[in-house]
Amino acid sequence: MTERGYEERVDDPESVTVRHAGGEPAVRSTLVSPTMEWDSERWLVGSRDELEALYFSADATGVDAAEAFLAGTDLSAESVLVHQYRVDECVDWELQRLQWREAEQGPAGSVAVELRYESTERGSDCERGDDEDVAATFVRIPATFERVTRFGSWVS
């Protein structure tokens, strides 16, 4: 069986990333319950209630930019995908591409989404250790959805 291609694609999509050192989530939601058993999680923000349910870790970086980004999103025409993931403390993932299509399975309004990142070193003064940060990338999708039923992310 051949996998269906993505119908929509945005290169260099509008996004912003919040980062938190120490392994705790950078962002949480009162409507979504992340667990510490994850390496990556994602959820959609498509309504004012979902937007207002977000809250950031007190010592996360990039919060002001994320709040401005979210405030500038027209939720009647756009959705925001929150992709939260563990990343080496000396590495950034820069979002390069967003792709989506109507999901083959699931209720109406479901989509399959794929994100492609490029991995870059944070700087020569960063000393690699065993520590991981948690980063949350907020990506603006120029469409509205009910839910993401299939998700993939790739890092090159």
Protein backbone atom coordinates (compact mmCIF):
# COMPACT_ATOMS: atom_id res chain seq x y z
CA MET A 1 0.00 0.00 0.00
CA THR A 2 1.41 3.37 -1.02
CA GLU A 3 1.27 6.19 1.52
CA ARG A 4 -0.67 9.22 0.41
CA GLY A 5 1.33 12.43 -0.03
CA TYR A 6 0.71 15.68 1.78
CA GLU A 7 -1.73 18.05 0.07
CA GLU A 8 -0.54 21.24 1.78
CA ARG A 9 2.99 22.43 2.45
CA VAL A 10 4.57 25.54 3.94
CA ASP A 11 8.33 26.04 3.82
CA ASP A 12 9.76 28.15 6.65
CA PRO A 13 6.40 28.29 8.48
CA GLU A 14 5.67 30.95 11.07
CA SER A 15 6.82 29.54 14.39
CA VAL A 16 8.40 30.36 17.73
CA THR A 17 10.11 28.13 20.29
CA VAL A 18 10.09 28.22 24.08
CA ARG A 19 12.83 26.33 25.90
CA HIS A 20 13.17 25.05 29.45
CA ALA A 21 16.33 23.57 30.98
CA GLY A 22 16.13 20.68 33.40
CA GLY A 23 13.70 18.29 31.75
CA GLU A 24 10.35 19.74 32.82
CA PRO A 25 7.82 20.85 30.18
CA ALA A 26 8.29 24.37 28.81
CA VAL A 27 4.54 24.78 28.36
CA ARG A 28 1.51 23.08 29.84
CA SER A 29 -2.20 23.29 29.34
CA THR A 30 -5.03 22.89 31.80
CA LEU A 31 -6.82 21.02 29.00
CA VAL A 32 -3.91 18.70 28.04
CA SER A 33 -2.03 16.57 30.55
CA PRO A 34 1.56 15.93 29.47
CA THR A 35 3.40 13.20 31.35
CA MET A 36 7.07 12.91 32.06
CA GLU A 37 7.12 9.56 30.25
CA TRP A 38 7.34 11.26 26.84
CA ASP A 39 10.07 12.22 24.42
CA SER A 40 7.69 14.22 22.23
CA GLU A 41 4.10 15.33 22.40
CA ARG A 42 1.82 17.57 20.38
CA TRP A 43 -1.57 19.20 20.58
CA LEU A 44 -3.62 21.77 18.70
CA VAL A 45 -4.69 25.17 19.89
CA GLY A 46 -7.74 26.12 17.86
CA SER A 47 -9.99 28.06 20.21
CA ARG A 48 -9.78 30.92 22.67
CA ASP A 49 -10.35 28.44 25.56
CA GLU A 50 -7.43 26.28 24.40
CA LEU A 51 -5.25 29.37 24.08
CA GLU A 52 -6.14 30.61 27.55
CA ALA A 53 -5.43 27.14 29.00
CA LEU A 54 -1.71 27.44 28.13
CA TYR A 55 0.80 28.38 30.80
CA PHE A 56 4.59 28.49 30.69
CA SER A 57 7.27 27.33 33.12
CA ALA A 58 8.45 30.30 35.16
CA ASP A 59 12.08 30.00 34.06
CA ALA A 60 11.48 29.08 30.41
CA THR A 61 13.12 31.25 27.74
CA GLY A 62 11.25 32.67 24.76
CA VAL A 63 7.95 33.12 26.60
CA ASP A 64 7.41 36.77 25.59
CA ALA A 65 7.88 35.90 21.90
CA ALA A 66 5.49 32.93 22.23
CA GLU A 67 2.83 35.03 23.94
CA ALA A 68 3.07 37.69 21.20
CA PHE A 69 2.95 34.96 18.52
CA LEU A 70 -0.16 33.40 20.06
CA ALA A 71 -1.85 36.79 20.51
CA GLY A 72 -1.26 37.49 16.80
CA THR A 73 -2.95 34.29 15.66
CA ASP A 74 -6.43 34.53 14.12
CA LEU A 75 -7.98 31.33 15.49
CA SER A 76 -10.99 31.72 13.19
CA ALA A 77 -8.71 31.06 10.19
CA GLU A 78 -5.59 29.45 11.68
CA SER A 79 -4.59 26.73 14.11
CA VAL A 80 -1.48 26.52 16.27
CA LEU A 81 0.27 23.21 16.67
CA VAL A 82 2.28 22.86 19.87
CA HIS A 83 5.11 20.35 19.46
CA GLN A 84 7.00 19.77 22.70
CA TYR A 85 10.11 17.59 22.69
CA ARG A 86 13.33 16.76 24.50
CA VAL A 87 16.49 18.12 22.91
CA ASP A 88 20.18 18.10 23.79
CA GLU A 89 21.10 21.25 25.72
CA CYS A 90 23.64 22.23 23.03
CA VAL A 91 21.29 21.82 20.05
CA ASP A 92 18.46 23.86 18.52
CA TRP A 93 15.87 22.48 16.14
CA GLU A 94 14.88 25.07 13.55
CA LEU A 95 11.56 24.39 11.84
CA GLN A 96 11.98 24.18 8.06
CA ARG A 97 8.72 22.69 6.76
CA LEU A 98 5.13 22.02 7.72
CA GLN A 99 2.99 19.57 5.73
CA TRP A 100 -0.57 18.39 6.30
CA ARG A 101 -3.45 16.54 4.73
CA GLU A 102 -6.89 15.34 5.67
CA ALA A 103 -6.49 12.21 7.77
CA GLU A 104 -7.47 8.92 6.19
CA GLN A 105 -8.94 7.71 9.48
CA GLY A 106 -10.68 9.44 12.33
CA PRO A 107 -13.60 11.80 12.66
CA ALA A 108 -14.26 14.71 10.31
CA GLY A 109 -11.84 17.58 10.85
CA SER A 110 -8.89 15.25 11.54
CA VAL A 111 -5.52 15.82 9.87
CA ALA A 112 -2.14 14.21 9.48
CA VAL A 113 0.74 16.63 10.10
CA GLU A 114 4.47 16.38 9.53
CA LEU A 115 7.16 18.80 10.70
CA ARG A 116 10.73 18.89 9.39
CA TYR A 117 13.48 20.47 11.47
CA GLU A 118 17.14 21.22 10.93
CA SER A 119 19.43 20.58 13.88
CA THR A 120 22.02 23.27 14.63
CA GLU A 121 24.63 23.63 17.35
CA ARG A 122 23.85 26.32 19.94
CA GLY A 123 27.40 27.67 20.10
CA SER A 124 30.99 26.74 20.67
CA ASP A 125 30.83 27.62 24.38
CA CYS A 126 28.17 24.98 25.10
CA GLU A 127 29.62 21.92 26.81
CA ARG A 128 27.80 18.69 26.07
CA GLY A 129 26.65 16.74 29.06
CA ASP A 130 23.88 14.34 29.84
CA ASP A 131 21.33 17.12 30.30
CA GLU A 132 18.36 17.62 28.05
CA ASP A 133 16.17 20.66 27.68
CA VAL A 134 12.53 20.61 26.77
CA ALA A 135 11.59 22.79 23.82
CA ALA A 136 8.09 23.64 22.64
CA THR A 137 7.69 24.87 19.08
CA PHE A 138 4.47 26.72 18.29
CA VAL A 139 3.73 26.60 14.56
CA ARG A 140 0.97 28.58 12.90
CA ILE A 141 -1.02 26.49 10.40
CA PRO A 142 -3.00 28.53 7.84
CA ALA A 143 -6.11 26.36 8.27
CA THR A 144 -8.40 25.21 11.07
CA PHE A 145 -8.66 21.62 12.30
CA GLU A 146 -10.43 19.71 15.00
CA ARG A 147 -7.61 17.30 15.83
CA VAL A 148 -4.32 15.79 14.69
CA THR A 149 -4.73 12.03 14.40
CA ARG A 150 -1.36 11.30 12.79
CA PHE A 151 1.86 13.19 13.49
CA GLY A 152 5.48 12.90 12.48
CA SER A 153 8.58 15.01 12.91
CA TRP A 154 11.97 14.65 11.27
CA VAL A 155 15.29 16.20 12.16
CA SER A 156 18.19 16.49 9.75
